[in-house]
Amino acid sequence: MSAPDNIAFHAADPAGGNGVVVLLFRPDADGLVRVREWSSAHYTAPGREDVVPADEMRARVEEWARAGWKLTESPVRIAHWLEGRG
């Protein structure tokens, strides 16, 4: 079974500040992942888009988890998805 083409999650700031809604698109052959994200406060506005290395995105998610951010997807699941494992 292959991983879905994208994964979405919400990262909520533990201090009650604005969180982030994140949509990740499958990494390409060079390990780059397209990212679209919105502030929780402005999720109806157009999302900000970027392309980052999958390792950088995984480190960002791990840092959120270490800092106590609440994620709607497990950091382990996100890491596995970024690696193409589902």
PDB file of N, CA and C in Angstrom:
ATOM      1  N   MET A   1       0.846  -1.177   0.000  1.00  0.00           N
ATOM      2  CA  MET A   1       0.000   0.000   0.000  1.00  0.00           C
ATOM      3  C   MET A   1       0.889   1.236   0.000  1.00  0.00           C
ATOM      4  N   SER A   2       0.642   2.175  -0.896  1.00  0.00           N
ATOM      5  CA  SER A   2       1.468   3.368  -0.974  1.00  0.00           C
ATOM      6  C   SER A   2       0.870   4.484  -0.122  1.00  0.00           C
ATOM      7  N   ALA A   3       1.732   5.437   0.212  1.00  0.00           N
ATOM      8  CA  ALA A   3       1.302   6.578   1.014  1.00  0.00           C
ATOM      9  C   ALA A   3       0.379   7.469   0.182  1.00  0.00           C
ATOM     10  N   PRO A   4      -0.567   8.152   0.838  1.00  0.00           N
ATOM     11  CA  PRO A   4      -1.426   9.084   0.107  1.00  0.00           C
ATOM     12  C   PRO A   4      -0.586  10.241  -0.448  1.00  0.00           C
ATOM     13  N   ASP A   5      -1.120  10.929  -1.454  1.00  0.00           N
ATOM     14  CA  ASP A   5      -0.388  12.017  -2.096  1.00  0.00           C
ATOM     15  C   ASP A   5      -0.190  13.240  -1.213  1.00  0.00           C
ATOM     16  N   ASN A   6      -1.015  13.387  -0.180  1.00  0.00           N
ATOM     17  CA  ASN A   6      -0.816  14.509   0.731  1.00  0.00           C
ATOM     18  C   ASN A   6      -1.294  14.135   2.124  1.00  0.00           C
ATOM     19  N   ILE A   7      -0.870  14.957   3.075  1.00  0.00           N
ATOM     20  CA  ILE A   7      -1.276  14.776   4.464  1.00  0.00           C
ATOM     21  C   ILE A   7      -1.489  16.170   5.050  1.00  0.00           C
ATOM     22  N   ALA A   8      -2.513  16.310   5.852  1.00  0.00           N
ATOM     23  CA  ALA A   8      -2.828  17.597   6.470  1.00  0.00           C
ATOM     24  C   ALA A   8      -2.923  17.413   7.975  1.00  0.00           C
ATOM     25  N   PHE A   9      -2.554  18.456   8.705  1.00  0.00           N
ATOM     26  CA  PHE A   9      -2.661  18.416  10.164  1.00  0.00           C
ATOM     27  C   PHE A   9      -2.703  19.832  10.713  1.00  0.00           C
ATOM     28  N   HIS A  10      -3.132  19.936  11.954  1.00  0.00           N
ATOM     29  CA  HIS A  10      -3.154  21.210  12.662  1.00  0.00           C
ATOM     30  C   HIS A  10      -2.144  21.117  13.796  1.00  0.00           C
ATOM     31  N   ALA A  11      -1.355  22.159  13.966  1.00  0.00           N
ATOM     32  CA  ALA A  11      -0.410  22.268  15.072  1.00  0.00           C
ATOM     33  C   ALA A  11      -0.877  23.428  15.950  1.00  0.00           C
ATOM     34  N   ALA A  12      -1.282  23.114  17.190  1.00  0.00           N
ATOM     35  CA  ALA A  12      -1.819  24.131  18.094  1.00  0.00           C
ATOM     36  C   ALA A  12      -0.756  24.556  19.104  1.00  0.00           C
ATOM     37  N   ASP A  13      -0.543  25.844  19.189  1.00  0.00           N
ATOM     38  CA  ASP A  13       0.425  26.426  20.110  1.00  0.00           C
ATOM     39  C   ASP A  13       0.006  26.146  21.555  1.00  0.00           C
ATOM     40  N   PRO A  14       0.901  25.561  22.371  1.00  0.00           N
ATOM     41  CA  PRO A  14       0.522  25.250  23.754  1.00  0.00           C
ATOM     42  C   PRO A  14       0.276  26.498  24.596  1.00  0.00           C
ATOM     43  N   ALA A  15       0.804  27.638  24.179  1.00  0.00           N
ATOM     44  CA  ALA A  15       0.610  28.878  24.927  1.00  0.00           C
ATOM     45  C   ALA A  15      -0.687  29.571  24.547  1.00  0.00           C
ATOM     46  N   GLY A  16      -1.445  28.972  23.620  1.00  0.00           N
ATOM     47  CA  GLY A  16      -2.718  29.550  23.225  1.00  0.00           C
ATOM     48  C   GLY A  16      -2.623  30.544  22.084  1.00  0.00           C
ATOM     49  N   GLY A  17      -1.434  30.712  21.536  1.00  0.00           N
ATOM     50  CA  GLY A  17      -1.269  31.604  20.387  1.00  0.00           C
ATOM     51  C   GLY A  17      -1.806  30.944  19.132  1.00  0.00           C
ATOM     52  N   ASN A  18      -1.621  31.620  18.018  1.00  0.00           N
ATOM     53  CA  ASN A  18      -2.093  31.074  16.753  1.00  0.00           C
ATOM     54  C   ASN A  18      -1.351  29.793  16.400  1.00  0.00           C
ATOM     55  N   GLY A  19      -2.099  28.812  15.986  1.00  0.00           N
ATOM     56  CA  GLY A  19      -1.530  27.578  15.500  1.00  0.00           C
ATOM     57  C   GLY A  19      -1.357  27.651  13.996  1.00  0.00           C
ATOM     58  N   VAL A  20      -1.090  26.493  13.412  1.00  0.00           N
ATOM     59  CA  VAL A  20      -0.841  26.419  11.979  1.00  0.00           C
ATOM     60  C   VAL A  20      -1.573  25.211  11.412  1.00  0.00           C
ATOM     61  N   VAL A  21      -2.271  25.414  10.295  1.00  0.00           N
ATOM     62  CA  VAL A  21      -2.849  24.319   9.523  1.00  0.00           C
ATOM     63  C   VAL A  21      -1.864  24.051   8.387  1.00  0.00           C
ATOM     64  N   VAL A  22      -1.423  22.789   8.259  1.00  0.00           N
ATOM     65  CA  VAL A  22      -0.371  22.439   7.311  1.00  0.00           C
ATOM     66  C   VAL A  22      -0.877  21.365   6.344  1.00  0.00           C
ATOM     67  N   LEU A  23      -0.602  21.563   5.067  1.00  0.00           N
ATOM     68  CA  LEU A  23      -0.879  20.570   4.030  1.00  0.00           C
ATOM     69  C   LEU A  23       0.450  20.267   3.345  1.00  0.00           C
ATOM     70  N   LEU A  24       0.840  19.001   3.387  1.00  0.00           N
ATOM     71  CA  LEU A  24       2.083  18.557   2.759  1.00  0.00           C
ATOM     72  C   LEU A  24       1.761  17.721   1.537  1.00  0.00           C
ATOM     73  N   PHE A  25       2.528  17.930   0.470  1.00  0.00           N
ATOM     74  CA  PHE A  25       2.395  17.142  -0.753  1.00  0.00           C
ATOM     75  C   PHE A  25       3.572  16.190  -0.853  1.00  0.00           C
ATOM     76  N   ARG A  26       3.343  15.032  -1.425  1.00  0.00           N
ATOM     77  CA  ARG A  26       4.349  13.980  -1.496  1.00  0.00           C
ATOM     78  C   ARG A  26       5.718  14.526  -1.925  1.00  0.00           C
ATOM     79  N   PRO A  27       6.783  14.165  -1.190  1.00  0.00           N
ATOM     80  CA  PRO A  27       8.125  14.596  -1.583  1.00  0.00           C
ATOM     81  C   PRO A  27       8.479  14.096  -2.987  1.00  0.00           C
ATOM     82  N   ASP A  28       9.252  14.921  -3.704  1.00  0.00           N
ATOM     83  CA  ASP A  28       9.673  14.531  -5.050  1.00  0.00           C
ATOM     84  C   ASP A  28      10.937  13.667  -4.977  1.00  0.00           C
ATOM     85  N   ALA A  29      11.478  13.315  -6.120  1.00  0.00           N
ATOM     86  CA  ALA A  29      12.648  12.432  -6.186  1.00  0.00           C
ATOM     87  C   ALA A  29      13.878  13.042  -5.513  1.00  0.00           C
ATOM     88  N   ASP A  30      13.910  14.364  -5.391  1.00  0.00           N
ATOM     89  CA  ASP A  30      15.036  15.035  -4.740  1.00  0.00           C
ATOM     90  C   ASP A  30      14.816  15.220  -3.238  1.00  0.00           C
ATOM     91  N   GLY A  31      13.692  14.705  -2.714  1.00  0.00           N
ATOM     92  CA  GLY A  31      13.410  14.833  -1.294  1.00  0.00           C
ATOM     93  C   GLY A  31      12.836  16.175  -0.896  1.00  0.00           C
ATOM     94  N   LEU A  32      12.304  16.916  -1.871  1.00  0.00           N
ATOM     95  CA  LEU A  32      11.686  18.212  -1.574  1.00  0.00           C
ATOM     96  C   LEU A  32      10.182  18.041  -1.451  1.00  0.00           C
ATOM     97  N   VAL A  33       9.610  18.687  -0.459  1.00  0.00           N
ATOM     98  CA  VAL A  33       8.176  18.587  -0.208  1.00  0.00           C
ATOM     99  C   VAL A  33       7.546  19.976  -0.351  1.00  0.00           C
ATOM    100  N   ARG A  34       6.442  20.016  -1.085  1.00  0.00           N
ATOM    101  CA  ARG A  34       5.686  21.269  -1.221  1.00  0.00           C
ATOM    102  C   ARG A  34       4.796  21.396   0.009  1.00  0.00           C
ATOM    103  N   VAL A  35       4.808  22.575   0.605  1.00  0.00           N
ATOM    104  CA  VAL A  35       4.080  22.846   1.844  1.00  0.00           C
ATOM    105  C   VAL A  35       3.131  24.012   1.602  1.00  0.00           C
ATOM    106  N   ARG A  36       1.896  23.849   2.039  1.00  0.00           N
ATOM    107  CA  ARG A  36       0.947  24.971   2.066  1.00  0.00           C
ATOM    108  C   ARG A  36       0.495  25.086   3.513  1.00  0.00           C
ATOM    109  N   GLU A  37       0.539  26.289   4.057  1.00  0.00           N
ATOM    110  CA  GLU A  37       0.118  26.451   5.451  1.00  0.00           C
ATOM    111  C   GLU A  37      -0.647  27.739   5.665  1.00  0.00           C
ATOM    112  N   TRP A  38      -1.487  27.677   6.667  1.00  0.00           N
ATOM    113  CA  TRP A  38      -2.348  28.782   7.052  1.00  0.00           C
ATOM    114  C   TRP A  38      -2.223  29.000   8.551  1.00  0.00           C
ATOM    115  N   SER A  39      -2.344  30.237   8.973  1.00  0.00           N
ATOM    116  CA  SER A  39      -2.464  30.533  10.392  1.00  0.00           C
ATOM    117  C   SER A  39      -3.850  30.073  10.835  1.00  0.00           C
ATOM    118  N   SER A  40      -3.951  29.511  12.017  1.00  0.00           N
ATOM    119  CA  SER A  40      -5.262  29.108  12.544  1.00  0.00           C
ATOM    120  C   SER A  40      -6.223  30.293  12.605  1.00  0.00           C
ATOM    121  N   ALA A  41      -5.671  31.473  12.821  1.00  0.00           N
ATOM    122  CA  ALA A  41      -6.507  32.666  12.933  1.00  0.00           C
ATOM    123  C   ALA A  41      -7.043  33.123  11.581  1.00  0.00           C
ATOM    124  N   HIS A  42      -6.394  32.702  10.488  1.00  0.00           N
ATOM    125  CA  HIS A  42      -6.776  33.166   9.153  1.00  0.00           C
ATOM    126  C   HIS A  42      -6.831  32.004   8.169  1.00  0.00           C
ATOM    127  N   TYR A  43      -7.444  30.900   8.577  1.00  0.00           N
ATOM    128  CA  TYR A  43      -7.440  29.703   7.731  1.00  0.00           C
ATOM    129  C   TYR A  43      -8.266  29.851   6.455  1.00  0.00           C
ATOM    130  N   THR A  44      -9.104  30.891   6.354  1.00  0.00           N
ATOM    131  CA  THR A  44      -9.865  31.097   5.118  1.00  0.00           C
ATOM    132  C   THR A  44      -9.084  31.945   4.105  1.00  0.00           C
ATOM    133  N   ALA A  45      -7.983  32.530   4.531  1.00  0.00           N
ATOM    134  CA  ALA A  45      -7.128  33.312   3.623  1.00  0.00           C
ATOM    135  C   ALA A  45      -6.318  32.337   2.762  1.00  0.00           C
ATOM    136  N   PRO A  46      -5.768  32.823   1.662  1.00  0.00           N
ATOM    137  CA  PRO A  46      -4.919  31.945   0.846  1.00  0.00           C
ATOM    138  C   PRO A  46      -3.729  31.432   1.672  1.00  0.00           C
ATOM    139  N   GLY A  47      -3.398  30.177   1.480  1.00  0.00           N
ATOM    140  CA  GLY A  47      -2.279  29.598   2.202  1.00  0.00           C
ATOM    141  C   GLY A  47      -0.936  30.076   1.677  1.00  0.00           C
ATOM    142  N   ARG A  48       0.052  30.094   2.557  1.00  0.00           N
ATOM    143  CA  ARG A  48       1.419  30.416   2.160  1.00  0.00           C
ATOM    144  C   ARG A  48       2.055  29.138   1.640  1.00  0.00           C
ATOM    145  N   GLU A  49       2.720  29.215   0.492  1.00  0.00           N
ATOM    146  CA  GLU A  49       3.321  28.017  -0.099  1.00  0.00           C
ATOM    147  C   GLU A  49       4.833  28.112  -0.061  1.00  0.00           C
ATOM    148  N   ASP A  50       5.459  26.940   0.078  1.00  0.00           N
ATOM    149  CA  ASP A  50       6.910  26.852   0.119  1.00  0.00           C
ATOM    150  C   ASP A  50       7.310  25.460  -0.352  1.00  0.00           C
ATOM    151  N   VAL A  51       8.575  25.295  -0.662  1.00  0.00           N
ATOM    152  CA  VAL A  51       9.144  23.988  -0.970  1.00  0.00           C
ATOM    153  C   VAL A  51      10.368  23.846  -0.087  1.00  0.00           C
ATOM    154  N   VAL A  52      10.391  22.779   0.723  1.00  0.00           N
ATOM    155  CA  VAL A  52      11.486  22.575   1.674  1.00  0.00           C
ATOM    156  C   VAL A  52      11.943  21.124   1.609  1.00  0.00           C
ATOM    157  N   PRO A  53      13.168  20.849   2.036  1.00  0.00           N
ATOM    158  CA  PRO A  53      13.602  19.459   2.133  1.00  0.00           C
ATOM    159  C   PRO A  53      12.728  18.709   3.150  1.00  0.00           C
ATOM    160  N   ALA A  54      12.412  17.461   2.848  1.00  0.00           N
ATOM    161  CA  ALA A  54      11.582  16.654   3.745  1.00  0.00           C
ATOM    162  C   ALA A  54      12.211  16.556   5.127  1.00  0.00           C
ATOM    163  N   ASP A  55      13.542  16.469   5.206  1.00  0.00           N
ATOM    164  CA  ASP A  55      14.221  16.398   6.510  1.00  0.00           C
ATOM    165  C   ASP A  55      13.969  17.660   7.336  1.00  0.00           C
ATOM    166  N   GLU A  56      13.929  18.805   6.663  1.00  0.00           N
ATOM    167  CA  GLU A  56      13.665  20.068   7.351  1.00  0.00           C
ATOM    168  C   GLU A  56      12.236  20.095   7.895  1.00  0.00           C
ATOM    169  N   MET A  57      11.294  19.605   7.103  1.00  0.00           N
ATOM    170  CA  MET A  57       9.898  19.572   7.556  1.00  0.00           C
ATOM    171  C   MET A  57       9.752  18.617   8.732  1.00  0.00           C
ATOM    172  N   ARG A  58      10.397  17.461   8.645  1.00  0.00           N
ATOM    173  CA  ARG A  58      10.336  16.496   9.747  1.00  0.00           C
ATOM    174  C   ARG A  58      10.920  17.103  11.026  1.00  0.00           C
ATOM    175  N   ALA A  59      12.039  17.825  10.911  1.00  0.00           N
ATOM    176  CA  ALA A  59      12.652  18.470  12.081  1.00  0.00           C
ATOM    177  C   ALA A  59      11.716  19.521  12.673  1.00  0.00           C
ATOM    178  N   ARG A  60      11.021  20.240  11.820  1.00  0.00           N
ATOM    179  CA  ARG A  60      10.070  21.256  12.291  1.00  0.00           C
ATOM    180  C   ARG A  60       8.944  20.610  13.089  1.00  0.00           C
ATOM    181  N   VAL A  61       8.402  19.513  12.573  1.00  0.00           N
ATOM    182  CA  VAL A  61       7.317  18.798  13.268  1.00  0.00           C
ATOM    183  C   VAL A  61       7.829  18.245  14.600  1.00  0.00           C
ATOM    184  N   GLU A  62       9.035  17.674  14.601  1.00  0.00           N
ATOM    185  CA  GLU A  62       9.608  17.129  15.844  1.00  0.00           C
ATOM    186  C   GLU A  62       9.825  18.240  16.874  1.00  0.00           C
ATOM    187  N   GLU A  63      10.236  19.409  16.422  1.00  0.00           N
ATOM    188  CA  GLU A  63      10.430  20.542  17.334  1.00  0.00           C
ATOM    189  C   GLU A  63       9.094  20.986  17.929  1.00  0.00           C
ATOM    190  N   TRP A  64       8.046  21.058  17.100  1.00  0.00           N
ATOM    191  CA  TRP A  64       6.720  21.381  17.632  1.00  0.00           C
ATOM    192  C   TRP A  64       6.336  20.394  18.728  1.00  0.00           C
ATOM    193  N   ALA A  65       6.531  19.107  18.466  1.00  0.00           N
ATOM    194  CA  ALA A  65       6.163  18.076  19.448  1.00  0.00           C
ATOM    195  C   ALA A  65       6.971  18.244  20.737  1.00  0.00           C
ATOM    196  N   ARG A  66       8.272  18.473  20.632  1.00  0.00           N
ATOM    197  CA  ARG A  66       9.117  18.670  21.824  1.00  0.00           C
ATOM    198  C   ARG A  66       8.688  19.905  22.620  1.00  0.00           C
ATOM    199  N   ALA A  67       8.223  20.931  21.907  1.00  0.00           N
ATOM    200  CA  ALA A  67       7.816  22.176  22.561  1.00  0.00           C
ATOM    201  C   ALA A  67       6.398  22.102  23.135  1.00  0.00           C
ATOM    202  N   GLY A  68       5.742  20.958  22.977  1.00  0.00           N
ATOM    203  CA  GLY A  68       4.415  20.773  23.557  1.00  0.00           C
ATOM    204  C   GLY A  68       3.251  21.163  22.680  1.00  0.00           C
ATOM    205  N   TRP A  69       3.517  21.446  21.395  1.00  0.00           N
ATOM    206  CA  TRP A  69       2.415  21.752  20.486  1.00  0.00           C
ATOM    207  C   TRP A  69       1.551  20.506  20.328  1.00  0.00           C
ATOM    208  N   LYS A  70       0.246  20.690  20.226  1.00  0.00           N
ATOM    209  CA  LYS A  70      -0.693  19.588  19.994  1.00  0.00           C
ATOM    210  C   LYS A  70      -0.873  19.420  18.492  1.00  0.00           C
ATOM    211  N   LEU A  71      -0.610  18.226  18.001  1.00  0.00           N
ATOM    212  CA  LEU A  71      -0.721  17.931  16.575  1.00  0.00           C
ATOM    213  C   LEU A  71      -1.878  16.970  16.345  1.00  0.00           C
ATOM    214  N   THR A  72      -2.655  17.211  15.290  1.00  0.00           N
ATOM    215  CA  THR A  72      -3.781  16.323  14.989  1.00  0.00           C
ATOM    216  C   THR A  72      -3.331  15.043  14.302  1.00  0.00           C
ATOM    217  N   GLU A  73      -2.082  14.966  13.888  1.00  0.00           N
ATOM    218  CA  GLU A  73      -1.481  13.733  13.374  1.00  0.00           C
ATOM    219  C   GLU A  73      -0.254  13.444  14.222  1.00  0.00           C
ATOM    220  N   SER A  74       0.031  12.194  14.440  1.00  0.00           N
ATOM    221  CA  SER A  74       1.212  11.811  15.197  1.00  0.00           C
ATOM    222  C   SER A  74       2.481  12.260  14.474  1.00  0.00           C
ATOM    223  N   PRO A  75       3.461  12.820  15.199  1.00  0.00           N
ATOM    224  CA  PRO A  75       4.732  13.167  14.569  1.00  0.00           C
ATOM    225  C   PRO A  75       5.400  11.957  13.906  1.00  0.00           C
ATOM    226  N   VAL A  76       5.210  10.778  14.476  1.00  0.00           N
ATOM    227  CA  VAL A  76       5.771   9.558  13.887  1.00  0.00           C
ATOM    228  C   VAL A  76       5.090   9.273  12.551  1.00  0.00           C
ATOM    229  N   ARG A  77       3.772   9.404  12.490  1.00  0.00           N
ATOM    230  CA  ARG A  77       3.057   9.174  11.229  1.00  0.00           C
ATOM    231  C   ARG A  77       3.489  10.176  10.171  1.00  0.00           C
ATOM    232  N   ILE A  78       3.655  11.442  10.563  1.00  0.00           N
ATOM    233  CA  ILE A  78       4.094  12.463   9.613  1.00  0.00           C
ATOM    234  C   ILE A  78       5.496  12.127   9.097  1.00  0.00           C
ATOM    235  N   ALA A  79       6.403  11.724   9.995  1.00  0.00           N
ATOM    236  CA  ALA A  79       7.764  11.356   9.593  1.00  0.00           C
ATOM    237  C   ALA A  79       7.741  10.174   8.632  1.00  0.00           C
ATOM    238  N   HIS A  80       6.942   9.154   8.947  1.00  0.00           N
ATOM    239  CA  HIS A  80       6.840   7.987   8.052  1.00  0.00           C
ATOM    240  C   HIS A  80       6.277   8.400   6.691  1.00  0.00           C
ATOM    241  N   TRP A  81       5.287   9.278   6.693  1.00  0.00           N
ATOM    242  CA  TRP A  81       4.699   9.734   5.426  1.00  0.00           C
ATOM    243  C   TRP A  81       5.761  10.464   4.610  1.00  0.00           C
ATOM    244  N   LEU A  82       6.538  11.337   5.263  1.00  0.00           N
ATOM    245  CA  LEU A  82       7.584  12.065   4.558  1.00  0.00           C
ATOM    246  C   LEU A  82       8.635  11.128   3.955  1.00  0.00           C
ATOM    247  N   GLU A  83       8.815   9.960   4.582  1.00  0.00           N
ATOM    248  CA  GLU A  83       9.761   8.960   4.089  1.00  0.00           C
ATOM    249  C   GLU A  83       9.130   8.029   3.059  1.00  0.00           C
ATOM    250  N   GLY A  84       7.840   8.240   2.765  1.00  0.00           N
ATOM    251  CA  GLY A  84       7.150   7.395   1.798  1.00  0.00           C
ATOM    252  C   GLY A  84       6.656   6.090   2.360  1.00  0.00           C
ATOM    253  N   ARG A  85       6.583   5.990   3.695  1.00  0.00           N
ATOM    254  CA  ARG A  85       6.153   4.739   4.328  1.00  0.00           C
ATOM    255  C   ARG A  85       4.726   4.782   4.829  1.00  0.00           C
ATOM    256  N   GLY A  86       3.982   5.798   4.442  1.00  0.00           N
ATOM    257  CA  GLY A  86       2.578   5.765   4.778  1.00  0.00           C
ATOM    258  C   GLY A  86       2.097   6.742   5.715  1.00  0.00           C
TER     259      GLY A  86
END
